[in-house]
Amino acid sequence: MTARAPAAPHQGPSTPEELLTVPQVMARLHLGRSAVYHLLRTRQLASITLGRSRRIPAHALTDFIHTRLEQEAA
């Protein structure tokens, strides 16, 4: 039996992007369903459509939060 070293976390462009569901975004932002869909519809929050499902890349949520923080600070 050979010992395996723990796998190092993948980094770089080959790392798959975490995709969040609308309910996950609702929970993270403490917003209702309609409010999240409004952000998606007005393109304030980027998303992709997979079949009939909307998915929000984790980086898009982070970018949205940073943008709002910068707007609030100005």
PDB file of N, CA and C in Angstrom:
ATOM      1  N   MET A   1       0.847  -1.171   0.000  1.00  0.00           N
ATOM      2  CA  MET A   1       0.000   0.000   0.000  1.00  0.00           C
ATOM      3  C   MET A   1       0.893   1.235   0.000  1.00  0.00           C
ATOM      4  N   THR A   2       0.573   2.187  -0.849  1.00  0.00           N
ATOM      5  CA  THR A   2       1.357   3.409  -0.913  1.00  0.00           C
ATOM      6  C   THR A   2       0.576   4.542  -0.276  1.00  0.00           C
ATOM      7  N   ALA A   3       1.301   5.432   0.364  1.00  0.00           N
ATOM      8  CA  ALA A   3       0.665   6.586   0.996  1.00  0.00           C
ATOM      9  C   ALA A   3       0.507   7.694  -0.034  1.00  0.00           C
ATOM     10  N   ARG A   4      -0.635   8.305  -0.024  1.00  0.00           N
ATOM     11  CA  ARG A   4      -0.886   9.420  -0.935  1.00  0.00           C
ATOM     12  C   ARG A   4      -0.783  10.726  -0.163  1.00  0.00           C
ATOM     13  N   ALA A   5      -0.153  11.675  -0.794  1.00  0.00           N
ATOM     14  CA  ALA A   5      -0.080  13.011  -0.203  1.00  0.00           C
ATOM     15  C   ALA A   5      -1.447  13.669  -0.366  1.00  0.00           C
ATOM     16  N   PRO A   6      -1.825  14.511   0.583  1.00  0.00           N
ATOM     17  CA  PRO A   6      -3.096  15.208   0.432  1.00  0.00           C
ATOM     18  C   PRO A   6      -3.101  16.049  -0.836  1.00  0.00           C
ATOM     19  N   ALA A   7      -4.207  16.066  -1.489  1.00  0.00           N
ATOM     20  CA  ALA A   7      -4.324  16.829  -2.728  1.00  0.00           C
ATOM     21  C   ALA A   7      -4.251  18.319  -2.434  1.00  0.00           C
ATOM     22  N   ALA A   8      -3.444  18.991  -3.201  1.00  0.00           N
ATOM     23  CA  ALA A   8      -3.341  20.454  -3.058  1.00  0.00           C
ATOM     24  C   ALA A   8      -4.545  21.094  -3.727  1.00  0.00           C
ATOM     25  N   PRO A   9      -5.011  22.200  -3.206  1.00  0.00           N
ATOM     26  CA  PRO A   9      -6.136  22.861  -3.857  1.00  0.00           C
ATOM     27  C   PRO A   9      -5.750  23.315  -5.251  1.00  0.00           C
ATOM     28  N   HIS A  10      -6.673  23.134  -6.179  1.00  0.00           N
ATOM     29  CA  HIS A  10      -6.423  23.554  -7.559  1.00  0.00           C
ATOM     30  C   HIS A  10      -6.525  25.063  -7.636  1.00  0.00           C
ATOM     31  N   GLN A  11      -5.652  25.647  -8.401  1.00  0.00           N
ATOM     32  CA  GLN A  11      -5.702  27.084  -8.611  1.00  0.00           C
ATOM     33  C   GLN A  11      -5.395  27.350 -10.067  1.00  0.00           C
ATOM     34  N   GLY A  12      -5.843  28.501 -10.534  1.00  0.00           N
ATOM     35  CA  GLY A  12      -5.570  28.881 -11.904  1.00  0.00           C
ATOM     36  C   GLY A  12      -6.811  28.774 -12.766  1.00  0.00           C
ATOM     37  N   PRO A  13      -6.634  28.967 -14.068  1.00  0.00           N
ATOM     38  CA  PRO A  13      -7.773  29.017 -14.965  1.00  0.00           C
ATOM     39  C   PRO A  13      -8.510  27.686 -15.121  1.00  0.00           C
ATOM     40  N   SER A  14      -7.878  26.566 -14.757  1.00  0.00           N
ATOM     41  CA  SER A  14      -8.543  25.281 -14.914  1.00  0.00           C
ATOM     42  C   SER A  14      -9.464  24.948 -13.745  1.00  0.00           C
ATOM     43  N   THR A  15      -9.523  25.813 -12.725  1.00  0.00           N
ATOM     44  CA  THR A  15     -10.376  25.576 -11.577  1.00  0.00           C
ATOM     45  C   THR A  15     -11.825  25.825 -11.967  1.00  0.00           C
ATOM     46  N   PRO A  16     -12.708  24.859 -11.727  1.00  0.00           N
ATOM     47  CA  PRO A  16     -14.110  25.094 -12.070  1.00  0.00           C
ATOM     48  C   PRO A  16     -14.719  26.167 -11.175  1.00  0.00           C
ATOM     49  N   GLU A  17     -15.538  26.989 -11.763  1.00  0.00           N
ATOM     50  CA  GLU A  17     -16.176  28.079 -11.043  1.00  0.00           C
ATOM     51  C   GLU A  17     -17.335  27.540 -10.215  1.00  0.00           C
ATOM     52  N   GLU A  18     -17.442  28.015  -8.981  1.00  0.00           N
ATOM     53  CA  GLU A  18     -18.581  27.633  -8.149  1.00  0.00           C
ATOM     54  C   GLU A  18     -19.807  28.382  -8.648  1.00  0.00           C
ATOM     55  N   LEU A  19     -20.872  27.645  -8.919  1.00  0.00           N
ATOM     56  CA  LEU A  19     -22.117  28.241  -9.377  1.00  0.00           C
ATOM     57  C   LEU A  19     -23.148  28.150  -8.265  1.00  0.00           C
ATOM     58  N   LEU A  20     -23.771  29.271  -7.959  1.00  0.00           N
ATOM     59  CA  LEU A  20     -24.746  29.344  -6.880  1.00  0.00           C
ATOM     60  C   LEU A  20     -26.159  29.352  -7.451  1.00  0.00           C
ATOM     61  N   THR A  21     -27.077  28.764  -6.713  1.00  0.00           N
ATOM     62  CA  THR A  21     -28.486  28.814  -7.086  1.00  0.00           C
ATOM     63  C   THR A  21     -29.105  30.104  -6.551  1.00  0.00           C
ATOM     64  N   VAL A  22     -30.273  30.436  -7.049  1.00  0.00           N
ATOM     65  CA  VAL A  22     -30.971  31.628  -6.555  1.00  0.00           C
ATOM     66  C   VAL A  22     -31.231  31.512  -5.048  1.00  0.00           C
ATOM     67  N   PRO A  23     -31.711  30.373  -4.530  1.00  0.00           N
ATOM     68  CA  PRO A  23     -31.898  30.277  -3.075  1.00  0.00           C
ATOM     69  C   PRO A  23     -30.600  30.478  -2.286  1.00  0.00           C
ATOM     70  N   GLN A  24     -29.463  30.038  -2.806  1.00  0.00           N
ATOM     71  CA  GLN A  24     -28.193  30.257  -2.116  1.00  0.00           C
ATOM     72  C   GLN A  24     -27.846  31.745  -2.082  1.00  0.00           C
ATOM     73  N   VAL A  25     -28.090  32.452  -3.184  1.00  0.00           N
ATOM     74  CA  VAL A  25     -27.835  33.893  -3.219  1.00  0.00           C
ATOM     75  C   VAL A  25     -28.807  34.610  -2.285  1.00  0.00           C
ATOM     76  N   MET A  26     -30.051  34.171  -2.265  1.00  0.00           N
ATOM     77  CA  MET A  26     -31.035  34.750  -1.353  1.00  0.00           C
ATOM     78  C   MET A  26     -30.533  34.662   0.088  1.00  0.00           C
ATOM     79  N   ALA A  27     -30.021  33.502   0.454  1.00  0.00           N
ATOM     80  CA  ALA A  27     -29.549  33.289   1.820  1.00  0.00           C
ATOM     81  C   ALA A  27     -28.317  34.136   2.126  1.00  0.00           C
ATOM     82  N   ARG A  28     -27.403  34.237   1.170  1.00  0.00           N
ATOM     83  CA  ARG A  28     -26.165  34.982   1.415  1.00  0.00           C
ATOM     84  C   ARG A  28     -26.414  36.482   1.511  1.00  0.00           C
ATOM     85  N   LEU A  29     -27.375  36.996   0.727  1.00  0.00           N
ATOM     86  CA  LEU A  29     -27.653  38.433   0.742  1.00  0.00           C
ATOM     87  C   LEU A  29     -28.807  38.799   1.666  1.00  0.00           C
ATOM     88  N   HIS A  30     -29.476  37.796   2.212  1.00  0.00           N
ATOM     89  CA  HIS A  30     -30.653  38.027   3.058  1.00  0.00           C
ATOM     90  C   HIS A  30     -31.702  38.833   2.299  1.00  0.00           C
ATOM     91  N   LEU A  31     -31.947  38.411   1.053  1.00  0.00           N
ATOM     92  CA  LEU A  31     -32.949  39.044   0.204  1.00  0.00           C
ATOM     93  C   LEU A  31     -33.989  38.012  -0.194  1.00  0.00           C
ATOM     94  N   GLY A  32     -35.128  38.497  -0.607  1.00  0.00           N
ATOM     95  CA  GLY A  32     -36.181  37.620  -1.097  1.00  0.00           C
ATOM     96  C   GLY A  32     -35.946  37.215  -2.545  1.00  0.00           C
ATOM     97  N   ARG A  33     -36.744  36.263  -2.985  1.00  0.00           N
ATOM     98  CA  ARG A  33     -36.637  35.736  -4.342  1.00  0.00           C
ATOM     99  C   ARG A  33     -36.831  36.825  -5.385  1.00  0.00           C
ATOM    100  N   SER A  34     -37.855  37.653  -5.210  1.00  0.00           N
ATOM    101  CA  SER A  34     -38.134  38.712  -6.186  1.00  0.00           C
ATOM    102  C   SER A  34     -36.986  39.702  -6.280  1.00  0.00           C
ATOM    103  N   ALA A  35     -36.384  40.032  -5.154  1.00  0.00           N
ATOM    104  CA  ALA A  35     -35.265  40.979  -5.147  1.00  0.00           C
ATOM    105  C   ALA A  35     -34.066  40.411  -5.902  1.00  0.00           C
ATOM    106  N   VAL A  36     -33.776  39.135  -5.720  1.00  0.00           N
ATOM    107  CA  VAL A  36     -32.646  38.518  -6.421  1.00  0.00           C
ATOM    108  C   VAL A  36     -32.935  38.472  -7.917  1.00  0.00           C
ATOM    109  N   TYR A  37     -34.154  38.085  -8.301  1.00  0.00           N
ATOM    110  CA  TYR A  37     -34.486  38.051  -9.726  1.00  0.00           C
ATOM    111  C   TYR A  37     -34.470  39.457 -10.328  1.00  0.00           C
ATOM    112  N   HIS A  38     -34.796  40.481  -9.544  1.00  0.00           N
ATOM    113  CA  HIS A  38     -34.695  41.858 -10.027  1.00  0.00           C
ATOM    114  C   HIS A  38     -33.235  42.197 -10.330  1.00  0.00           C
ATOM    115  N   LEU A  39     -32.318  41.808  -9.445  1.00  0.00           N
ATOM    116  CA  LEU A  39     -30.892  42.045  -9.681  1.00  0.00           C
ATOM    117  C   LEU A  39     -30.415  41.326 -10.941  1.00  0.00           C
ATOM    118  N   LEU A  40     -30.924  40.125 -11.171  1.00  0.00           N
ATOM    119  CA  LEU A  40     -30.552  39.373 -12.369  1.00  0.00           C
ATOM    120  C   LEU A  40     -31.143  40.024 -13.619  1.00  0.00           C
ATOM    121  N   ARG A  41     -32.408  40.403 -13.542  1.00  0.00           N
ATOM    122  CA  ARG A  41     -33.109  40.990 -14.687  1.00  0.00           C
ATOM    123  C   ARG A  41     -32.487  42.324 -15.105  1.00  0.00           C
ATOM    124  N   THR A  42     -32.060  43.116 -14.127  1.00  0.00           N
ATOM    125  CA  THR A  42     -31.462  44.416 -14.414  1.00  0.00           C
ATOM    126  C   THR A  42     -29.950  44.320 -14.649  1.00  0.00           C
ATOM    127  N   ARG A  43     -29.431  43.116 -14.668  1.00  0.00           N
ATOM    128  CA  ARG A  43     -28.017  42.825 -14.933  1.00  0.00           C
ATOM    129  C   ARG A  43     -27.069  43.450 -13.922  1.00  0.00           C
ATOM    130  N   GLN A  44     -27.580  43.712 -12.733  1.00  0.00           N
ATOM    131  CA  GLN A  44     -26.697  44.155 -11.653  1.00  0.00           C
ATOM    132  C   GLN A  44     -25.904  42.974 -11.109  1.00  0.00           C
ATOM    133  N   LEU A  45     -26.458  41.788 -11.284  1.00  0.00           N
ATOM    134  CA  LEU A  45     -25.836  40.544 -10.841  1.00  0.00           C
ATOM    135  C   LEU A  45     -25.801  39.609 -12.044  1.00  0.00           C
ATOM    136  N   ALA A  46     -24.602  39.195 -12.425  1.00  0.00           N
ATOM    137  CA  ALA A  46     -24.436  38.343 -13.604  1.00  0.00           C
ATOM    138  C   ALA A  46     -24.886  36.913 -13.314  1.00  0.00           C
ATOM    139  N   SER A  47     -25.403  36.262 -14.346  1.00  0.00           N
ATOM    140  CA  SER A  47     -25.819  34.867 -14.200  1.00  0.00           C
ATOM    141  C   SER A  47     -25.726  34.165 -15.541  1.00  0.00           C
ATOM    142  N   ILE A  48     -25.838  32.852 -15.476  1.00  0.00           N
ATOM    143  CA  ILE A  48     -25.939  32.045 -16.682  1.00  0.00           C
ATOM    144  C   ILE A  48     -27.190  31.187 -16.561  1.00  0.00           C
ATOM    145  N   THR A  49     -27.682  30.743 -17.696  1.00  0.00           N
ATOM    146  CA  THR A  49     -28.844  29.864 -17.715  1.00  0.00           C
ATOM    147  C   THR A  49     -28.385  28.490 -18.179  1.00  0.00           C
ATOM    148  N   LEU A  50     -28.732  27.491 -17.390  1.00  0.00           N
ATOM    149  CA  LEU A  50     -28.455  26.096 -17.736  1.00  0.00           C
ATOM    150  C   LEU A  50     -29.801  25.399 -17.841  1.00  0.00           C
ATOM    151  N   GLY A  51     -30.239  25.173 -19.072  1.00  0.00           N
ATOM    152  CA  GLY A  51     -31.590  24.639 -19.243  1.00  0.00           C
ATOM    153  C   GLY A  51     -32.577  25.695 -18.804  1.00  0.00           C
ATOM    154  N   ARG A  52     -33.383  25.383 -17.789  1.00  0.00           N
ATOM    155  CA  ARG A  52     -34.332  26.354 -17.246  1.00  0.00           C
ATOM    156  C   ARG A  52     -33.872  26.924 -15.913  1.00  0.00           C
ATOM    157  N   SER A  53     -32.660  26.590 -15.510  1.00  0.00           N
ATOM    158  CA  SER A  53     -32.144  27.020 -14.204  1.00  0.00           C
ATOM    159  C   SER A  53     -31.187  28.187 -14.355  1.00  0.00           C
ATOM    160  N   ARG A  54     -31.265  29.124 -13.431  1.00  0.00           N
ATOM    161  CA  ARG A  54     -30.322  30.244 -13.378  1.00  0.00           C
ATOM    162  C   ARG A  54     -29.238  29.890 -12.370  1.00  0.00           C
ATOM    163  N   ARG A  55     -28.001  30.183 -12.731  1.00  0.00           N
ATOM    164  CA  ARG A  55     -26.874  29.975 -11.828  1.00  0.00           C
ATOM    165  C   ARG A  55     -26.050  31.255 -11.807  1.00  0.00           C
ATOM    166  N   ILE A  56     -25.574  31.599 -10.620  1.00  0.00           N
ATOM    167  CA  ILE A  56     -24.795  32.808 -10.429  1.00  0.00           C
ATOM    168  C   ILE A  56     -23.375  32.387 -10.066  1.00  0.00           C
ATOM    169  N   PRO A  57     -22.389  32.756 -10.892  1.00  0.00           N
ATOM    170  CA  PRO A  57     -21.007  32.435 -10.524  1.00  0.00           C
ATOM    171  C   PRO A  57     -20.649  33.128  -9.208  1.00  0.00           C
ATOM    172  N   ALA A  58     -19.919  32.429  -8.353  1.00  0.00           N
ATOM    173  CA  ALA A  58     -19.552  32.979  -7.042  1.00  0.00           C
ATOM    174  C   ALA A  58     -18.797  34.296  -7.200  1.00  0.00           C
ATOM    175  N   HIS A  59     -17.953  34.384  -8.232  1.00  0.00           N
ATOM    176  CA  HIS A  59     -17.204  35.630  -8.426  1.00  0.00           C
ATOM    177  C   HIS A  59     -18.132  36.777  -8.789  1.00  0.00           C
ATOM    178  N   ALA A  60     -19.246  36.501  -9.462  1.00  0.00           N
ATOM    179  CA  ALA A  60     -20.203  37.556  -9.808  1.00  0.00           C
ATOM    180  C   ALA A  60     -20.858  38.116  -8.552  1.00  0.00           C
ATOM    181  N   LEU A  61     -21.147  37.252  -7.591  1.00  0.00           N
ATOM    182  CA  LEU A  61     -21.720  37.715  -6.328  1.00  0.00           C
ATOM    183  C   LEU A  61     -20.697  38.562  -5.566  1.00  0.00           C
ATOM    184  N   THR A  62     -19.455  38.115  -5.544  1.00  0.00           N
ATOM    185  CA  THR A  62     -18.393  38.872  -4.883  1.00  0.00           C
ATOM    186  C   THR A  62     -18.208  40.234  -5.550  1.00  0.00           C
ATOM    187  N   ASP A  63     -18.201  40.260  -6.884  1.00  0.00           N
ATOM    188  CA  ASP A  63     -18.061  41.523  -7.617  1.00  0.00           C
ATOM    189  C   ASP A  63     -19.221  42.462  -7.311  1.00  0.00           C
ATOM    190  N   PHE A  64     -20.433  41.912  -7.253  1.00  0.00           N
ATOM    191  CA  PHE A  64     -21.619  42.714  -6.950  1.00  0.00           C
ATOM    192  C   PHE A  64     -21.479  43.361  -5.569  1.00  0.00           C
ATOM    193  N   ILE A  65     -21.044  42.587  -4.587  1.00  0.00           N
ATOM    194  CA  ILE A  65     -20.897  43.099  -3.223  1.00  0.00           C
ATOM    195  C   ILE A  65     -19.832  44.192  -3.178  1.00  0.00           C
ATOM    196  N   HIS A  66     -18.690  43.975  -3.835  1.00  0.00           N
ATOM    197  CA  HIS A  66     -17.627  44.987  -3.851  1.00  0.00           C
ATOM    198  C   HIS A  66     -18.095  46.269  -4.534  1.00  0.00           C
ATOM    199  N   THR A  67     -18.833  46.138  -5.624  1.00  0.00           N
ATOM    200  CA  THR A  67     -19.354  47.300  -6.323  1.00  0.00           C
ATOM    201  C   THR A  67     -20.292  48.095  -5.435  1.00  0.00           C
ATOM    202  N   ARG A  68     -21.185  47.397  -4.742  1.00  0.00           N
ATOM    203  CA  ARG A  68     -22.112  48.087  -3.847  1.00  0.00           C
ATOM    204  C   ARG A  68     -21.390  48.773  -2.694  1.00  0.00           C
ATOM    205  N   LEU A  69     -20.360  48.131  -2.156  1.00  0.00           N
ATOM    206  CA  LEU A  69     -19.573  48.740  -1.081  1.00  0.00           C
ATOM    207  C   LEU A  69     -18.879  50.016  -1.570  1.00  0.00           C
ATOM    208  N   GLU A  70     -18.341  49.978  -2.787  1.00  0.00           N
ATOM    209  CA  GLU A  70     -17.684  51.160  -3.346  1.00  0.00           C
ATOM    210  C   GLU A  70     -18.688  52.284  -3.567  1.00  0.00           C
ATOM    211  N   GLN A  71     -19.907  51.936  -4.025  1.00  0.00           N
ATOM    212  CA  GLN A  71     -20.947  52.942  -4.242  1.00  0.00           C
ATOM    213  C   GLN A  71     -21.357  53.577  -2.925  1.00  0.00           C
ATOM    214  N   GLU A  72     -21.467  52.772  -1.883  1.00  0.00           N
ATOM    215  CA  GLU A  72     -21.856  53.273  -0.575  1.00  0.00           C
ATOM    216  C   GLU A  72     -20.789  54.193   0.016  1.00  0.00           C
ATOM    217  N   ALA A  73     -19.509  53.883  -0.286  1.00  0.00           N
ATOM    218  CA  ALA A  73     -18.413  54.672   0.260  1.00  0.00           C
ATOM    219  C   ALA A  73     -18.270  56.020  -0.453  1.00  0.00           C
ATOM    220  N   ALA A  74     -18.745  56.086  -1.691  1.00  0.00           N
ATOM    221  CA  ALA A  74     -18.582  57.329  -2.468  1.00  0.00           C
ATOM    222  C   ALA A  74     -19.550  58.411  -2.033  1.00  0.00           C
TER     223      ALA A  74
END
